[in-house]
Amino acid sequence: MKHYRAEDLSRFASAILEAIGMNPVDAAFAAEVIVASDLAGHGSHGLRRLPEYVERAGSGLLAPGERPVVELDLGALLRLDGRRAWATSPCGT
């Protein structure tokens, strides 16, 4: 079995995420989360999901360039519009 360095896998995943429209900073962060999932033994949330993410972006189910926005902030209550953004994208900037 061939082994790859985590840094190389992160760069690979980040390049794919950028290619489908994610900004470089969010792509790098998401790629680290994906690779960390594999390293932690949670392959169901790792690199094997990349083809699904590419397909979802192509069909419009995922909007990699979007970011969630806060619609309502009442302190103890917060309502977000996810805007089909990547789950690891930070909210409202």
C-alpha atoms as a PDB file:
ATOM      1  CA  MET A   1       0.000   0.000   0.000  1.00  0.00           C
ATOM      2  CA  LYS A   2       1.304   3.419  -0.907  1.00  0.00           C
ATOM      3  CA  HIS A   3       1.447   6.033   1.856  1.00  0.00           C
ATOM      4  CA  TYR A   4       1.113   9.799   1.447  1.00  0.00           C
ATOM      5  CA  ARG A   5       2.069  12.635   3.747  1.00  0.00           C
ATOM      6  CA  ALA A   6      -0.833  14.475   5.368  1.00  0.00           C
ATOM      7  CA  GLU A   7       0.481  17.797   4.050  1.00  0.00           C
ATOM      8  CA  ASP A   8       0.448  16.478   0.483  1.00  0.00           C
ATOM      9  CA  LEU A   9      -3.087  15.164   0.882  1.00  0.00           C
ATOM     10  CA  SER A  10      -4.213  18.505   2.286  1.00  0.00           C
ATOM     11  CA  ARG A  11      -2.719  20.340  -0.689  1.00  0.00           C
ATOM     12  CA  PHE A  12      -4.428  17.884  -3.045  1.00  0.00           C
ATOM     13  CA  ALA A  13      -7.829  18.292  -1.375  1.00  0.00           C
ATOM     14  CA  SER A  14      -7.416  22.059  -1.181  1.00  0.00           C
ATOM     15  CA  ALA A  15      -6.666  22.265  -4.912  1.00  0.00           C
ATOM     16  CA  ILE A  16      -9.827  20.299  -5.689  1.00  0.00           C
ATOM     17  CA  LEU A  17     -11.941  22.495  -3.419  1.00  0.00           C
ATOM     18  CA  GLU A  18     -10.515  25.641  -4.999  1.00  0.00           C
ATOM     19  CA  ALA A  19     -11.244  24.210  -8.455  1.00  0.00           C
ATOM     20  CA  ILE A  20     -14.945  23.925  -7.573  1.00  0.00           C
ATOM     21  CA  GLY A  21     -15.093  27.525  -6.371  1.00  0.00           C
ATOM     22  CA  MET A  22     -14.010  27.669  -2.737  1.00  0.00           C
ATOM     23  CA  ASN A  23     -11.723  30.542  -1.794  1.00  0.00           C
ATOM     24  CA  PRO A  24      -8.150  29.491  -0.958  1.00  0.00           C
ATOM     25  CA  VAL A  25      -8.355  30.144   2.792  1.00  0.00           C
ATOM     26  CA  ASP A  26     -11.580  28.180   3.264  1.00  0.00           C
ATOM     27  CA  ALA A  27     -10.326  25.435   0.916  1.00  0.00           C
ATOM     28  CA  ALA A  28      -7.140  24.987   2.946  1.00  0.00           C
ATOM     29  CA  PHE A  29      -9.098  24.826   6.215  1.00  0.00           C
ATOM     30  CA  ALA A  30     -11.683  22.390   4.821  1.00  0.00           C
ATOM     31  CA  ALA A  31      -8.911  20.217   3.368  1.00  0.00           C
ATOM     32  CA  GLU A  32      -7.233  20.018   6.777  1.00  0.00           C
ATOM     33  CA  VAL A  33     -10.540  18.946   8.341  1.00  0.00           C
ATOM     34  CA  ILE A  34     -11.014  16.288   5.654  1.00  0.00           C
ATOM     35  CA  VAL A  35      -7.501  14.877   6.088  1.00  0.00           C
ATOM     36  CA  ALA A  36      -7.773  15.047   9.890  1.00  0.00           C
ATOM     37  CA  SER A  37     -10.920  12.924   9.634  1.00  0.00           C
ATOM     38  CA  ASP A  38      -8.984  10.244   7.778  1.00  0.00           C
ATOM     39  CA  LEU A  39      -6.098  10.418  10.237  1.00  0.00           C
ATOM     40  CA  ALA A  40      -8.534  10.027  13.135  1.00  0.00           C
ATOM     41  CA  GLY A  41      -9.967   6.912  11.536  1.00  0.00           C
ATOM     42  CA  HIS A  42     -13.171   8.510  10.305  1.00  0.00           C
ATOM     43  CA  GLY A  43     -12.796   7.786   6.605  1.00  0.00           C
ATOM     44  CA  SER A  44     -16.507   8.339   6.063  1.00  0.00           C
ATOM     45  CA  HIS A  45     -15.766  12.064   6.468  1.00  0.00           C
ATOM     46  CA  GLY A  46     -12.395  12.032   4.739  1.00  0.00           C
ATOM     47  CA  LEU A  47     -10.918  12.138   1.269  1.00  0.00           C
ATOM     48  CA  ARG A  48     -13.317   9.556  -0.103  1.00  0.00           C
ATOM     49  CA  ARG A  49     -16.017  12.246   0.055  1.00  0.00           C
ATOM     50  CA  LEU A  50     -14.259  14.587  -2.402  1.00  0.00           C
ATOM     51  CA  PRO A  51     -15.996  13.164  -5.512  1.00  0.00           C
ATOM     52  CA  GLU A  52     -19.347  13.701  -3.795  1.00  0.00           C
ATOM     53  CA  TYR A  53     -18.464  17.316  -2.989  1.00  0.00           C
ATOM     54  CA  VAL A  54     -17.438  17.940  -6.602  1.00  0.00           C
ATOM     55  CA  GLU A  55     -20.701  16.409  -7.836  1.00  0.00           C
ATOM     56  CA  ARG A  56     -22.790  18.434  -5.383  1.00  0.00           C
ATOM     57  CA  ALA A  57     -21.058  21.661  -6.391  1.00  0.00           C
ATOM     58  CA  GLY A  58     -21.658  20.872 -10.058  1.00  0.00           C
ATOM     59  CA  SER A  59     -25.355  20.237  -9.463  1.00  0.00           C
ATOM     60  CA  GLY A  60     -25.833  23.361  -7.325  1.00  0.00           C
ATOM     61  CA  LEU A  61     -26.543  21.482  -4.088  1.00  0.00           C
ATOM     62  CA  LEU A  62     -23.320  22.892  -2.619  1.00  0.00           C
ATOM     63  CA  ALA A  63     -22.180  26.483  -3.141  1.00  0.00           C
ATOM     64  CA  PRO A  64     -18.462  26.375  -2.290  1.00  0.00           C
ATOM     65  CA  GLY A  65     -17.963  30.121  -2.813  1.00  0.00           C
ATOM     66  CA  GLU A  66     -20.708  31.113  -0.390  1.00  0.00           C
ATOM     67  CA  ARG A  67     -20.531  31.737   3.335  1.00  0.00           C
ATOM     68  CA  PRO A  68     -23.290  31.367   5.911  1.00  0.00           C
ATOM     69  CA  VAL A  69     -24.852  34.620   7.076  1.00  0.00           C
ATOM     70  CA  VAL A  70     -26.448  35.537  10.384  1.00  0.00           C
ATOM     71  CA  GLU A  71     -30.105  36.412   9.771  1.00  0.00           C
ATOM     72  CA  LEU A  72     -31.084  37.004  13.367  1.00  0.00           C
ATOM     73  CA  ASP A  73     -29.021  37.437  16.526  1.00  0.00           C
ATOM     74  CA  LEU A  74     -30.940  37.765  19.788  1.00  0.00           C
ATOM     75  CA  GLY A  75     -28.103  36.746  22.051  1.00  0.00           C
ATOM     76  CA  ALA A  76     -29.412  33.365  23.204  1.00  0.00           C
ATOM     77  CA  LEU A  77     -31.009  32.766  19.791  1.00  0.00           C
ATOM     78  CA  LEU A  78     -29.176  32.799  16.508  1.00  0.00           C
ATOM     79  CA  ARG A  79     -30.624  32.046  13.081  1.00  0.00           C
ATOM     80  CA  LEU A  80     -28.294  31.348  10.168  1.00  0.00           C
ATOM     81  CA  ASP A  81     -28.851  31.074   6.450  1.00  0.00           C
ATOM     82  CA  GLY A  82     -26.344  28.442   5.363  1.00  0.00           C
ATOM     83  CA  ARG A  83     -26.621  29.518   1.695  1.00  0.00           C
ATOM     84  CA  ARG A  84     -25.574  25.978   0.677  1.00  0.00           C
ATOM     85  CA  ALA A  85     -22.073  26.922   1.872  1.00  0.00           C
ATOM     86  CA  TRP A  86     -19.436  24.492   3.038  1.00  0.00           C
ATOM     87  CA  ALA A  87     -20.054  23.485   6.653  1.00  0.00           C
ATOM     88  CA  THR A  88     -16.612  24.633   7.817  1.00  0.00           C
ATOM     89  CA  SER A  89     -16.968  28.132   6.309  1.00  0.00           C
ATOM     90  CA  PRO A  90     -17.074  30.836   8.970  1.00  0.00           C
ATOM     91  CA  CYS A  91     -20.206  32.924   9.349  1.00  0.00           C
ATOM     92  CA  GLY A  92     -20.703  36.497   8.233  1.00  0.00           C
ATOM     93  CA  THR A  93     -17.649  38.568   7.463  1.00  0.00           C
END
